[in-house]
C-alpha atoms as a PDB file:
ATOM      1  CA  MET A   1     -14.377  -3.266  36.893  1.00  0.00           C
ATOM      2  CA  LEU A   2     -16.825  -2.082  34.257  1.00  0.00           C
ATOM      3  CA  ARG A   3     -15.488   1.449  34.592  1.00  0.00           C
ATOM      4  CA  LYS A   4     -11.909   0.293  33.892  1.00  0.00           C
ATOM      5  CA  PHE A   5     -13.075  -1.694  30.888  1.00  0.00           C
ATOM      6  CA  LEU A   6     -14.955   1.285  29.438  1.00  0.00           C
ATOM      7  CA  LEU A   7     -11.995   3.550  30.119  1.00  0.00           C
ATOM      8  CA  SER A   8      -9.617   1.198  28.319  1.00  0.00           C
ATOM      9  CA  ILE A   9     -11.951   1.041  25.309  1.00  0.00           C
ATOM     10  CA  ALA A  10     -12.191   4.845  25.257  1.00  0.00           C
ATOM     11  CA  VAL A  11      -8.396   5.142  25.341  1.00  0.00           C
ATOM     12  CA  MET A  12      -8.031   2.642  22.493  1.00  0.00           C
ATOM     13  CA  VAL A  13     -10.554   4.512  20.357  1.00  0.00           C
ATOM     14  CA  ALA A  14      -8.913   7.868  21.096  1.00  0.00           C
ATOM     15  CA  THR A  15      -5.407   6.653  20.288  1.00  0.00           C
ATOM     16  CA  SER A  16      -6.446   4.859  17.117  1.00  0.00           C
ATOM     17  CA  GLY A  17      -7.286   8.262  15.623  1.00  0.00           C
ATOM     18  CA  PHE A  18      -3.633   9.273  15.928  1.00  0.00           C
ATOM     19  CA  ALA A  19      -2.580   6.492  13.584  1.00  0.00           C
ATOM     20  CA  PHE A  20      -4.433   8.215  10.741  1.00  0.00           C
ATOM     21  CA  ALA A  21      -3.465  11.782  11.582  1.00  0.00           C
ATOM     22  CA  GLN A  22      -2.671  14.046   8.671  1.00  0.00           C
ATOM     23  CA  VAL A  23       0.986  15.025   8.298  1.00  0.00           C
ATOM     24  CA  ASP A  24       1.686  18.152   6.251  1.00  0.00           C
ATOM     25  CA  VAL A  25       4.932  17.795   4.301  1.00  0.00           C
ATOM     26  CA  ASN A  26       5.706  21.509   4.773  1.00  0.00           C
ATOM     27  CA  LYS A  27       5.337  21.470   8.569  1.00  0.00           C
ATOM     28  CA  ALA A  28       6.473  18.001   9.619  1.00  0.00           C
ATOM     29  CA  ASP A  29       9.806  17.140  11.177  1.00  0.00           C
ATOM     30  CA  GLN A  30      11.704  13.948  10.378  1.00  0.00           C
ATOM     31  CA  ALA A  31       9.977  11.918  13.099  1.00  0.00           C
ATOM     32  CA  ALA A  32       6.518  12.890  11.827  1.00  0.00           C
ATOM     33  CA  LEU A  33       7.447  12.076   8.228  1.00  0.00           C
ATOM     34  CA  ASP A  34       8.914   8.720   9.297  1.00  0.00           C
ATOM     35  CA  GLY A  35       5.560   7.971  10.933  1.00  0.00           C
ATOM     36  CA  VAL A  36       3.808   8.001   7.554  1.00  0.00           C
ATOM     37  CA  LYS A  37       3.555   4.516   6.064  1.00  0.00           C
ATOM     38  CA  GLY A  38       5.792   4.390   2.992  1.00  0.00           C
ATOM     39  CA  ILE A  39       8.262   7.041   4.154  1.00  0.00           C
ATOM     40  CA  GLY A  40      11.507   5.822   5.636  1.00  0.00           C
ATOM     41  CA  PRO A  41      14.527   7.710   6.944  1.00  0.00           C
ATOM     42  CA  LYS A  42      16.050   8.130   3.487  1.00  0.00           C
ATOM     43  CA  MET A  43      12.929   9.648   1.926  1.00  0.00           C
ATOM     44  CA  SER A  44      12.154  11.843   4.929  1.00  0.00           C
ATOM     45  CA  LYS A  45      15.712  13.218   4.782  1.00  0.00           C
ATOM     46  CA  ALA A  46      15.321  13.874   1.046  1.00  0.00           C
ATOM     47  CA  ILE A  47      12.033  15.707   1.677  1.00  0.00           C
ATOM     48  CA  LEU A  48      13.538  17.837   4.439  1.00  0.00           C
ATOM     49  CA  ASP A  49      16.683  18.601   2.422  1.00  0.00           C
ATOM     50  CA  GLU A  50      14.650  19.646  -0.607  1.00  0.00           C
ATOM     51  CA  ARG A  51      12.289  21.725   1.527  1.00  0.00           C
ATOM     52  CA  LYS A  52      15.287  23.496   3.080  1.00  0.00           C
ATOM     53  CA  LYS A  53      16.901  24.060  -0.331  1.00  0.00           C
ATOM     54  CA  GLY A  54      13.878  25.100  -2.374  1.00  0.00           C
ATOM     55  CA  GLY A  55      11.339  26.247   0.195  1.00  0.00           C
ATOM     56  CA  ASP A  56       7.914  24.849   0.918  1.00  0.00           C
ATOM     57  CA  PHE A  57       6.254  22.579  -1.607  1.00  0.00           C
ATOM     58  CA  LYS A  58       3.509  24.385  -3.512  1.00  0.00           C
ATOM     59  CA  ASP A  59       1.451  21.311  -4.362  1.00  0.00           C
ATOM     60  CA  TRP A  60       1.722  17.598  -5.030  1.00  0.00           C
ATOM     61  CA  ALA A  61       3.216  18.135  -8.484  1.00  0.00           C
ATOM     62  CA  ASP A  62       5.968  20.242  -6.910  1.00  0.00           C
ATOM     63  CA  LEU A  63       6.705  17.496  -4.356  1.00  0.00           C
ATOM     64  CA  GLU A  64       6.753  14.809  -7.057  1.00  0.00           C
ATOM     65  CA  GLY A  65       9.094  16.850  -9.242  1.00  0.00           C
ATOM     66  CA  ARG A  66      11.563  17.779  -6.523  1.00  0.00           C
ATOM     67  CA  VAL A  67      11.860  14.610  -4.410  1.00  0.00           C
ATOM     68  CA  LYS A  68      13.325  11.487  -5.965  1.00  0.00           C
ATOM     69  CA  GLY A  69      11.189   8.452  -5.227  1.00  0.00           C
ATOM     70  CA  VAL A  70       7.918  10.351  -5.044  1.00  0.00           C
ATOM     71  CA  GLY A  71       6.154   9.672  -8.310  1.00  0.00           C
ATOM     72  CA  GLU A  72       2.464   9.725  -9.132  1.00  0.00           C
ATOM     73  CA  LYS A  73       1.680   6.234  -7.814  1.00  0.00           C
ATOM     74  CA  ASN A  74       3.764   6.631  -4.677  1.00  0.00           C
ATOM     75  CA  ALA A  75       2.251  10.059  -4.020  1.00  0.00           C
ATOM     76  CA  VAL A  76      -1.249   8.555  -4.039  1.00  0.00           C
ATOM     77  CA  LYS A  77      -0.137   5.865  -1.571  1.00  0.00           C
ATOM     78  CA  LEU A  78       1.512   8.438   0.704  1.00  0.00           C
ATOM     79  CA  SER A  79      -1.593  10.603   0.578  1.00  0.00           C
ATOM     80  CA  ASP A  80      -3.755   7.613   1.493  1.00  0.00           C
ATOM     81  CA  ALA A  81      -1.411   7.030   4.449  1.00  0.00           C
ATOM     82  CA  GLY A  82      -2.019  10.589   5.701  1.00  0.00           C
ATOM     83  CA  LEU A  83       0.550  12.810   3.981  1.00  0.00           C
ATOM     84  CA  THR A  84      -0.696  16.186   2.755  1.00  0.00           C
ATOM     85  CA  VAL A  85       0.799  19.161   0.907  1.00  0.00           C
ATOM     86  CA  ASN A  86      -0.530  22.459   2.263  1.00  0.00           C
ATOM     87  CA  GLY A  87      -3.350  20.496   3.891  1.00  0.00           C
ATOM     88  CA  GLN A  88      -4.441  18.935   0.590  1.00  0.00           C
ATOM     89  CA  ALA A  89      -4.599  15.209  -0.086  1.00  0.00           C
ATOM     90  CA  ARG A  90      -3.365  13.931  -3.456  1.00  0.00           C
ATOM     91  CA  GLN A  91      -6.057  13.302  -6.027  1.00  0.00           C
ATOM     92  CA  LYS A  92      -6.265   9.728  -7.219  1.00  0.00           C
ATOM     93  CA  ALA A  93      -4.413   8.832 -10.399  1.00  0.00           C
ATOM     94  CA  GLY A  94      -6.582   8.592 -13.503  1.00  0.00           C
ATOM     95  CA  GLY A  95      -9.216  10.979 -12.181  1.00  0.00           C
ATOM     96  CA  ASP A  96     -11.872  12.507 -14.395  1.00  0.00           C
ATOM     97  CA  ASN A  97      -9.449  14.137 -16.826  1.00  0.00           C
ATOM     98  CA  GLY A  98     -10.652  12.602 -20.057  1.00  0.00           C
ATOM     99  CA  ALA A  99      -8.597   9.472 -19.498  1.00  0.00           C
ATOM    100  CA  LYS A 100      -9.492   6.291 -21.277  1.00  0.00           C
ATOM    101  CA  ASN A 101      -8.290   2.941 -19.939  1.00  0.00           C
ATOM    102  CA  GLY A 102      -6.150   4.762 -17.353  1.00  0.00           C
ATOM    103  CA  LYS A 103      -4.163   6.589 -20.057  1.00  0.00           C
ATOM    104  CA  PRO A 104      -4.279  10.315 -20.773  1.00  0.00           C
ATOM    105  CA  ALA A 105      -6.686  11.267 -23.528  1.00  0.00           C
ATOM    106  CA  ALA A 106      -3.986  12.853 -25.700  1.00  0.00           C
ATOM    107  CA  LYS A 107      -1.907   9.672 -25.806  1.00  0.00           C
ATOM    108  CA  GLU A 108      -4.980   7.566 -26.454  1.00  0.00           C
ATOM    109  CA  GLY A 109      -5.956   9.853 -29.328  1.00  0.00           C
ATOM    110  CA  ARG A 110      -2.522   9.487 -30.926  1.00  0.00           C
ATOM    111  CA  LYS A 111      -2.752   5.701 -30.722  1.00  0.00           C
ATOM    112  CA  ASP A 112      -6.145   5.769 -32.418  1.00  0.00           C
ATOM    113  CA  ALA A 113      -4.766   8.064 -35.120  1.00  0.00           C
ATOM    114  CA  LYS A 114      -1.845   5.677 -35.716  1.00  0.00           C
ATOM    115  CA  LYS A 115      -4.259   2.730 -35.989  1.00  0.00           C
ATOM    116  CA  ASP A 116      -6.394   4.641 -38.496  1.00  0.00           C
ATOM    117  CA  GLU A 117      -3.285   5.594 -40.466  1.00  0.00           C
ATOM    118  CA  ALA A 118      -2.157   1.942 -40.566  1.00  0.00           C
ATOM    119  CA  LYS A 119      -5.532   0.847 -41.931  1.00  0.00           C
ATOM    120  CA  LYS A 120      -5.232   3.195 -44.940  1.00  0.00           C
END
């Protein structure tokens, strides 16, 4: 009885790892893509069609630019769900790129310049 219980726990632990398996967008078939949370049949077909038309995706920016519905925010969510591009996870939005308040530094600088200009 104890042996069966331990075996069932071991099976549950082993199979739970499959739920978080990494799926590479350049190697996956439609079923594997559909298994990623956030990707449905329509998006997986769009990914496969674009991959067939334009070749493998070079990086996340390439995927975001070529597949409708995969923007920066969605790409981060898909990456968190296990999707990779060439084995690489998507970096979080608003990383250490000089951003201030979640906005790119260049845009923030222009806003500050406009505020200074308005004060004069």
